[in-house]
Amino acid sequence: MISLARAFRVVVILVVGATVAEAQLPGQARAQQPAVRLRTALPGYPDPIALDTVANYTEMKAAPGVVFNAAVEAFKTLDIPVTVRDSIHGTVGNLGWIKLRQLAGKTMSTSFNCGSGMTGPNADAYRLTIAAVVMIEALPNGNSRVGVALVGSAQDVQGASKDPVPCGTSGYTEGRIEALVRAKLTR
């Protein structure tokens, strides 16, 4: 049985893969490969979550450094605390913070589905532990491949202690983050 304190502790595991030699033709550009894989452990999930596997990816017509700064500003706009700020590996975000009732100015159920009870969506009544990350990679054409990942879990704060539950996302907050990054690129 995992202790409650351990369950709420967010773990970042840096997985450094073996370098594989790749032959390149002269003048051929190669996209930057991420050297680290962000993982987070949230209550309600049996294993750490590899955030790059749940991210929605898109291409943005800007250099990675410019996108990185826009992502930092997007998190500030949405009042999401930034605890991961790694410009070398192109990652911005938070691997686990606790939030109640609202995220990005909307009820939690706008972004998360954690089941429902007699009073409505659990996401609106439970305490959520959330991880939100933007991952940026350079593309050969000078643009950036941008992934936005959001995961969460919920814990009932009323009455007897209950096990935390994993939550699905609607895509709303991920879309808001992406839209804000794009908007900040055009300024």
C-alpha atoms as a PDB file:
ATOM      1  CA  MET A   1       0.000   0.000   0.000  1.00  0.00           C
ATOM      2  CA  ILE A   2       1.440   3.356  -1.008  1.00  0.00           C
ATOM      3  CA  SER A   3       1.307   6.053   1.657  1.00  0.00           C
ATOM      4  CA  LEU A   4      -0.837   9.111   0.954  1.00  0.00           C
ATOM      5  CA  ALA A   5       2.208  11.380   1.214  1.00  0.00           C
ATOM      6  CA  ARG A   6       4.047   9.331  -1.391  1.00  0.00           C
ATOM      7  CA  ALA A   7       1.014   9.204  -3.651  1.00  0.00           C
ATOM      8  CA  PHE A   8       0.841  13.001  -3.774  1.00  0.00           C
ATOM      9  CA  ARG A   9       4.540  13.466  -4.376  1.00  0.00           C
ATOM     10  CA  VAL A  10       5.204  14.127  -8.010  1.00  0.00           C
ATOM     11  CA  VAL A  11       8.131  12.265  -9.438  1.00  0.00           C
ATOM     12  CA  VAL A  12      10.086  13.300 -12.466  1.00  0.00           C
ATOM     13  CA  ILE A  13      12.100  10.529 -13.982  1.00  0.00           C
ATOM     14  CA  LEU A  14      14.641  11.531 -16.521  1.00  0.00           C
ATOM     15  CA  VAL A  15      15.196   8.767 -18.959  1.00  0.00           C
ATOM     16  CA  VAL A  16      18.264   9.244 -21.032  1.00  0.00           C
ATOM     17  CA  GLY A  17      18.195   6.968 -24.051  1.00  0.00           C
ATOM     18  CA  ALA A  18      21.191   5.488 -25.726  1.00  0.00           C
ATOM     19  CA  THR A  19      22.544   7.565 -28.577  1.00  0.00           C
ATOM     20  CA  VAL A  20      22.204   5.863 -31.910  1.00  0.00           C
ATOM     21  CA  ALA A  21      24.549   6.918 -34.685  1.00  0.00           C
ATOM     22  CA  GLU A  22      22.628   8.128 -37.709  1.00  0.00           C
ATOM     23  CA  ALA A  23      24.110   8.626 -41.133  1.00  0.00           C
ATOM     24  CA  GLN A  24      23.266  12.001 -42.634  1.00  0.00           C
ATOM     25  CA  LEU A  25      23.650  13.172 -46.157  1.00  0.00           C
ATOM     26  CA  PRO A  26      25.568  16.448 -46.566  1.00  0.00           C
ATOM     27  CA  GLY A  27      23.275  19.420 -46.021  1.00  0.00           C
ATOM     28  CA  GLN A  28      20.486  17.275 -44.586  1.00  0.00           C
ATOM     29  CA  ALA A  29      18.992  18.756 -41.411  1.00  0.00           C
ATOM     30  CA  ARG A  30      17.658  16.626 -38.606  1.00  0.00           C
ATOM     31  CA  ALA A  31      15.058  17.537 -35.995  1.00  0.00           C
ATOM     32  CA  GLN A  32      16.302  17.908 -32.449  1.00  0.00           C
ATOM     33  CA  GLN A  33      15.505  14.782 -30.478  1.00  0.00           C
ATOM     34  CA  PRO A  34      14.461  15.217 -26.864  1.00  0.00           C
ATOM     35  CA  ALA A  35      17.163  13.933 -24.515  1.00  0.00           C
ATOM     36  CA  VAL A  36      14.795  13.554 -21.582  1.00  0.00           C
ATOM     37  CA  ARG A  37      11.360  12.067 -21.191  1.00  0.00           C
ATOM     38  CA  LEU A  38       9.110  13.773 -18.686  1.00  0.00           C
ATOM     39  CA  ARG A  39       7.113  11.484 -16.451  1.00  0.00           C
ATOM     40  CA  THR A  40       4.846  12.325 -13.577  1.00  0.00           C
ATOM     41  CA  ALA A  41       3.259  10.209 -10.871  1.00  0.00           C
ATOM     42  CA  LEU A  42      -0.239  11.284  -9.911  1.00  0.00           C
ATOM     43  CA  PRO A  43      -2.533   9.802  -7.272  1.00  0.00           C
ATOM     44  CA  GLY A  44      -4.994   7.350  -8.807  1.00  0.00           C
ATOM     45  CA  TYR A  45      -2.621   6.147 -11.529  1.00  0.00           C
ATOM     46  CA  PRO A  46      -0.808   2.848 -10.906  1.00  0.00           C
ATOM     47  CA  ASP A  47       2.295   3.891 -12.885  1.00  0.00           C
ATOM     48  CA  PRO A  48       4.076   7.123 -13.811  1.00  0.00           C
ATOM     49  CA  ILE A  49       2.688   8.806 -16.928  1.00  0.00           C
ATOM     50  CA  ALA A  50       5.029   9.578 -19.839  1.00  0.00           C
ATOM     51  CA  LEU A  51       3.730  13.011 -20.807  1.00  0.00           C
ATOM     52  CA  ASP A  52       4.979  12.855 -24.399  1.00  0.00           C
ATOM     53  CA  THR A  53       2.628   9.905 -24.981  1.00  0.00           C
ATOM     54  CA  VAL A  54      -0.507  11.858 -24.020  1.00  0.00           C
ATOM     55  CA  ALA A  55       0.402  15.158 -25.697  1.00  0.00           C
ATOM     56  CA  ASN A  56      -1.375  16.694 -28.672  1.00  0.00           C
ATOM     57  CA  TYR A  57       1.251  17.789 -31.216  1.00  0.00           C
ATOM     58  CA  THR A  58       1.190  20.550 -33.799  1.00  0.00           C
ATOM     59  CA  GLU A  59       3.687  22.497 -35.882  1.00  0.00           C
ATOM     60  CA  MET A  60       4.234  26.197 -35.208  1.00  0.00           C
ATOM     61  CA  LYS A  61       6.030  28.560 -37.566  1.00  0.00           C
ATOM     62  CA  ALA A  62       8.574  29.895 -35.102  1.00  0.00           C
ATOM     63  CA  ALA A  63      11.943  28.910 -33.688  1.00  0.00           C
ATOM     64  CA  PRO A  64      11.925  26.802 -30.496  1.00  0.00           C
ATOM     65  CA  GLY A  65      13.285  29.645 -28.329  1.00  0.00           C
ATOM     66  CA  VAL A  66      10.473  31.967 -29.390  1.00  0.00           C
ATOM     67  CA  VAL A  67       7.856  29.248 -28.785  1.00  0.00           C
ATOM     68  CA  PHE A  68       9.417  28.513 -25.385  1.00  0.00           C
ATOM     69  CA  ASN A  69       8.988  32.145 -24.262  1.00  0.00           C
ATOM     70  CA  ALA A  70       5.422  32.206 -25.606  1.00  0.00           C
ATOM     71  CA  ALA A  71       4.629  29.016 -23.656  1.00  0.00           C
ATOM     72  CA  VAL A  72       5.918  30.548 -20.406  1.00  0.00           C
ATOM     73  CA  GLU A  73       3.657  33.562 -21.012  1.00  0.00           C
ATOM     74  CA  ALA A  74       0.677  31.308 -21.838  1.00  0.00           C
ATOM     75  CA  PHE A  75       1.017  29.524 -18.492  1.00  0.00           C
ATOM     76  CA  LYS A  76       1.176  32.891 -16.699  1.00  0.00           C
ATOM     77  CA  THR A  77      -1.973  34.048 -18.512  1.00  0.00           C
ATOM     78  CA  LEU A  78      -3.842  30.912 -17.398  1.00  0.00           C
ATOM     79  CA  ASP A  79      -2.492  31.236 -13.840  1.00  0.00           C
ATOM     80  CA  ILE A  80      -0.758  27.850 -14.041  1.00  0.00           C
ATOM     81  CA  PRO A  81       2.373  27.836 -11.864  1.00  0.00           C
ATOM     82  CA  VAL A  82       5.522  27.044 -13.849  1.00  0.00           C
ATOM     83  CA  THR A  83       7.885  24.719 -11.976  1.00  0.00           C
ATOM     84  CA  VAL A  84       9.584  23.157 -15.014  1.00  0.00           C
ATOM     85  CA  ARG A  85      11.407  25.649 -17.226  1.00  0.00           C
ATOM     86  CA  ASP A  86      14.044  23.878 -19.321  1.00  0.00           C
ATOM     87  CA  SER A  87      14.940  25.797 -22.479  1.00  0.00           C
ATOM     88  CA  ILE A  88      17.673  23.300 -23.404  1.00  0.00           C
ATOM     89  CA  HIS A  89      15.196  20.418 -23.725  1.00  0.00           C
ATOM     90  CA  GLY A  90      12.226  22.614 -24.648  1.00  0.00           C
ATOM     91  CA  THR A  91       9.927  21.882 -21.721  1.00  0.00           C
ATOM     92  CA  VAL A  92       7.713  24.295 -19.805  1.00  0.00           C
ATOM     93  CA  GLY A  93       5.029  23.517 -17.259  1.00  0.00           C
ATOM     94  CA  ASN A  94       4.180  21.932 -13.958  1.00  0.00           C
ATOM     95  CA  LEU A  95       4.409  18.237 -13.108  1.00  0.00           C
ATOM     96  CA  GLY A  96       1.924  18.315 -10.270  1.00  0.00           C
ATOM     97  CA  TRP A  97       0.005  20.997  -8.452  1.00  0.00           C
ATOM     98  CA  ILE A  98      -3.218  20.838  -6.483  1.00  0.00           C
ATOM     99  CA  LYS A  99      -6.224  22.837  -7.622  1.00  0.00           C
ATOM    100  CA  LEU A 100      -9.876  23.112  -6.586  1.00  0.00           C
ATOM    101  CA  ARG A 101     -12.987  24.210  -8.491  1.00  0.00           C
ATOM    102  CA  GLN A 102     -11.561  26.215 -11.428  1.00  0.00           C
ATOM    103  CA  LEU A 103      -8.788  26.012 -14.011  1.00  0.00           C
ATOM    104  CA  ALA A 104      -8.136  28.718 -16.602  1.00  0.00           C
ATOM    105  CA  GLY A 105     -11.254  30.596 -15.473  1.00  0.00           C
ATOM    106  CA  LYS A 106     -13.649  27.676 -16.053  1.00  0.00           C
ATOM    107  CA  THR A 107     -15.057  24.962 -13.814  1.00  0.00           C
ATOM    108  CA  MET A 108     -12.833  21.902 -13.531  1.00  0.00           C
ATOM    109  CA  SER A 109     -15.426  19.781 -15.347  1.00  0.00           C
ATOM    110  CA  THR A 110     -14.801  21.911 -18.456  1.00  0.00           C
ATOM    111  CA  SER A 111     -11.313  20.383 -18.622  1.00  0.00           C
ATOM    112  CA  PHE A 112     -11.588  17.088 -16.717  1.00  0.00           C
ATOM    113  CA  ASN A 113     -13.941  14.117 -16.458  1.00  0.00           C
ATOM    114  CA  CYS A 114     -13.423  12.395 -13.103  1.00  0.00           C
ATOM    115  CA  GLY A 115     -16.805  10.696 -12.975  1.00  0.00           C
ATOM    116  CA  SER A 116     -19.896  12.084 -11.294  1.00  0.00           C
ATOM    117  CA  GLY A 117     -21.821  11.806  -8.071  1.00  0.00           C
ATOM    118  CA  MET A 118     -25.161  12.916  -6.682  1.00  0.00           C
ATOM    119  CA  THR A 119     -24.121  16.574  -6.757  1.00  0.00           C
ATOM    120  CA  GLY A 120     -22.752  16.548 -10.311  1.00  0.00           C
ATOM    121  CA  PRO A 121     -19.311  16.192 -11.868  1.00  0.00           C
ATOM    122  CA  ASN A 122     -16.645  15.028  -9.402  1.00  0.00           C
ATOM    123  CA  ALA A 123     -14.095  17.359 -11.006  1.00  0.00           C
ATOM    124  CA  ASP A 124     -16.035  20.354  -9.654  1.00  0.00           C
ATOM    125  CA  ALA A 125     -16.168  19.032  -6.078  1.00  0.00           C
ATOM    126  CA  TYR A 126     -12.936  17.051  -5.670  1.00  0.00           C
ATOM    127  CA  ARG A 127      -9.356  18.203  -5.137  1.00  0.00           C
ATOM    128  CA  LEU A 128      -7.421  17.697  -8.388  1.00  0.00           C
ATOM    129  CA  THR A 129      -3.720  17.039  -8.804  1.00  0.00           C
ATOM    130  CA  ILE A 130      -2.766  18.251 -12.274  1.00  0.00           C
ATOM    131  CA  ALA A 131       0.270  18.119 -14.547  1.00  0.00           C
ATOM    132  CA  ALA A 132       0.456  20.426 -17.582  1.00  0.00           C
ATOM    133  CA  VAL A 133       3.476  20.599 -19.878  1.00  0.00           C
ATOM    134  CA  VAL A 134       4.428  22.101 -23.243  1.00  0.00           C
ATOM    135  CA  MET A 135       7.190  20.204 -25.087  1.00  0.00           C
ATOM    136  CA  ILE A 136       9.029  21.922 -27.946  1.00  0.00           C
ATOM    137  CA  GLU A 137      11.304  20.343 -30.562  1.00  0.00           C
ATOM    138  CA  ALA A 138      13.160  21.981 -33.449  1.00  0.00           C
ATOM    139  CA  LEU A 139      12.166  20.885 -36.943  1.00  0.00           C
ATOM    140  CA  PRO A 140      14.537  20.847 -39.943  1.00  0.00           C
ATOM    141  CA  ASN A 141      12.598  23.701 -41.609  1.00  0.00           C
ATOM    142  CA  GLY A 142      13.238  26.051 -38.658  1.00  0.00           C
ATOM    143  CA  ASN A 143       9.742  25.641 -37.252  1.00  0.00           C
ATOM    144  CA  SER A 144       8.836  23.917 -33.995  1.00  0.00           C
ATOM    145  CA  ARG A 145       6.931  20.758 -33.151  1.00  0.00           C
ATOM    146  CA  VAL A 146       4.895  21.612 -30.068  1.00  0.00           C
ATOM    147  CA  GLY A 147       3.180  19.106 -27.788  1.00  0.00           C
ATOM    148  CA  VAL A 148       0.734  20.052 -25.042  1.00  0.00           C
ATOM    149  CA  ALA A 149       0.005  17.472 -22.336  1.00  0.00           C
ATOM    150  CA  LEU A 150      -2.511  17.704 -19.502  1.00  0.00           C
ATOM    151  CA  VAL A 151      -3.289  14.922 -17.017  1.00  0.00           C
ATOM    152  CA  GLY A 152      -5.084  14.917 -13.709  1.00  0.00           C
ATOM    153  CA  SER A 153      -6.452  12.879 -10.857  1.00  0.00           C
ATOM    154  CA  ALA A 154      -9.095  13.659  -8.255  1.00  0.00           C
ATOM    155  CA  GLN A 155      -9.514  13.027  -4.531  1.00  0.00           C
ATOM    156  CA  ASP A 156     -12.774  13.428  -2.624  1.00  0.00           C
ATOM    157  CA  VAL A 157     -12.247  15.884   0.230  1.00  0.00           C
ATOM    158  CA  GLN A 158     -15.588  15.200   1.952  1.00  0.00           C
ATOM    159  CA  GLY A 159     -16.249  12.503   4.521  1.00  0.00           C
ATOM    160  CA  ALA A 160     -14.351   9.239   4.767  1.00  0.00           C
ATOM    161  CA  SER A 161     -11.107   8.804   2.891  1.00  0.00           C
ATOM    162  CA  LYS A 162     -11.565   7.327  -0.577  1.00  0.00           C
ATOM    163  CA  ASP A 163      -9.069   6.240  -3.196  1.00  0.00           C
ATOM    164  CA  PRO A 164      -8.090   8.895  -5.744  1.00  0.00           C
ATOM    165  CA  VAL A 165      -9.397   8.470  -9.281  1.00  0.00           C
ATOM    166  CA  PRO A 166      -7.716   9.212 -12.627  1.00  0.00           C
ATOM    167  CA  CYS A 167      -9.387  11.848 -14.790  1.00  0.00           C
ATOM    168  CA  GLY A 168      -9.761  12.127 -18.537  1.00  0.00           C
ATOM    169  CA  THR A 169      -9.365  15.469 -20.287  1.00  0.00           C
ATOM    170  CA  SER A 170     -11.742  17.200 -22.686  1.00  0.00           C
ATOM    171  CA  GLY A 171      -9.007  18.955 -24.645  1.00  0.00           C
ATOM    172  CA  TYR A 172     -10.311  22.393 -23.648  1.00  0.00           C
ATOM    173  CA  THR A 173      -7.313  23.526 -21.577  1.00  0.00           C
ATOM    174  CA  GLU A 174      -4.822  21.989 -23.995  1.00  0.00           C
ATOM    175  CA  GLY A 175      -6.520  23.966 -26.775  1.00  0.00           C
ATOM    176  CA  ARG A 176      -6.404  27.165 -24.716  1.00  0.00           C
ATOM    177  CA  ILE A 177      -2.684  26.710 -24.048  1.00  0.00           C
ATOM    178  CA  GLU A 178      -1.977  26.104 -27.745  1.00  0.00           C
ATOM    179  CA  ALA A 179      -4.110  29.088 -28.816  1.00  0.00           C
ATOM    180  CA  LEU A 180      -2.369  31.392 -26.331  1.00  0.00           C
ATOM    181  CA  VAL A 181       1.072  30.265 -27.504  1.00  0.00           C
ATOM    182  CA  ARG A 182       0.060  30.943 -31.130  1.00  0.00           C
ATOM    183  CA  ALA A 183      -1.398  34.344 -30.210  1.00  0.00           C
ATOM    184  CA  LYS A 184       1.775  35.345 -28.386  1.00  0.00           C
ATOM    185  CA  LEU A 185       3.833  34.346 -31.445  1.00  0.00           C
ATOM    186  CA  THR A 186       1.931  36.787 -33.664  1.00  0.00           C
ATOM    187  CA  ARG A 187       2.566  39.800 -31.414  1.00  0.00           C
END
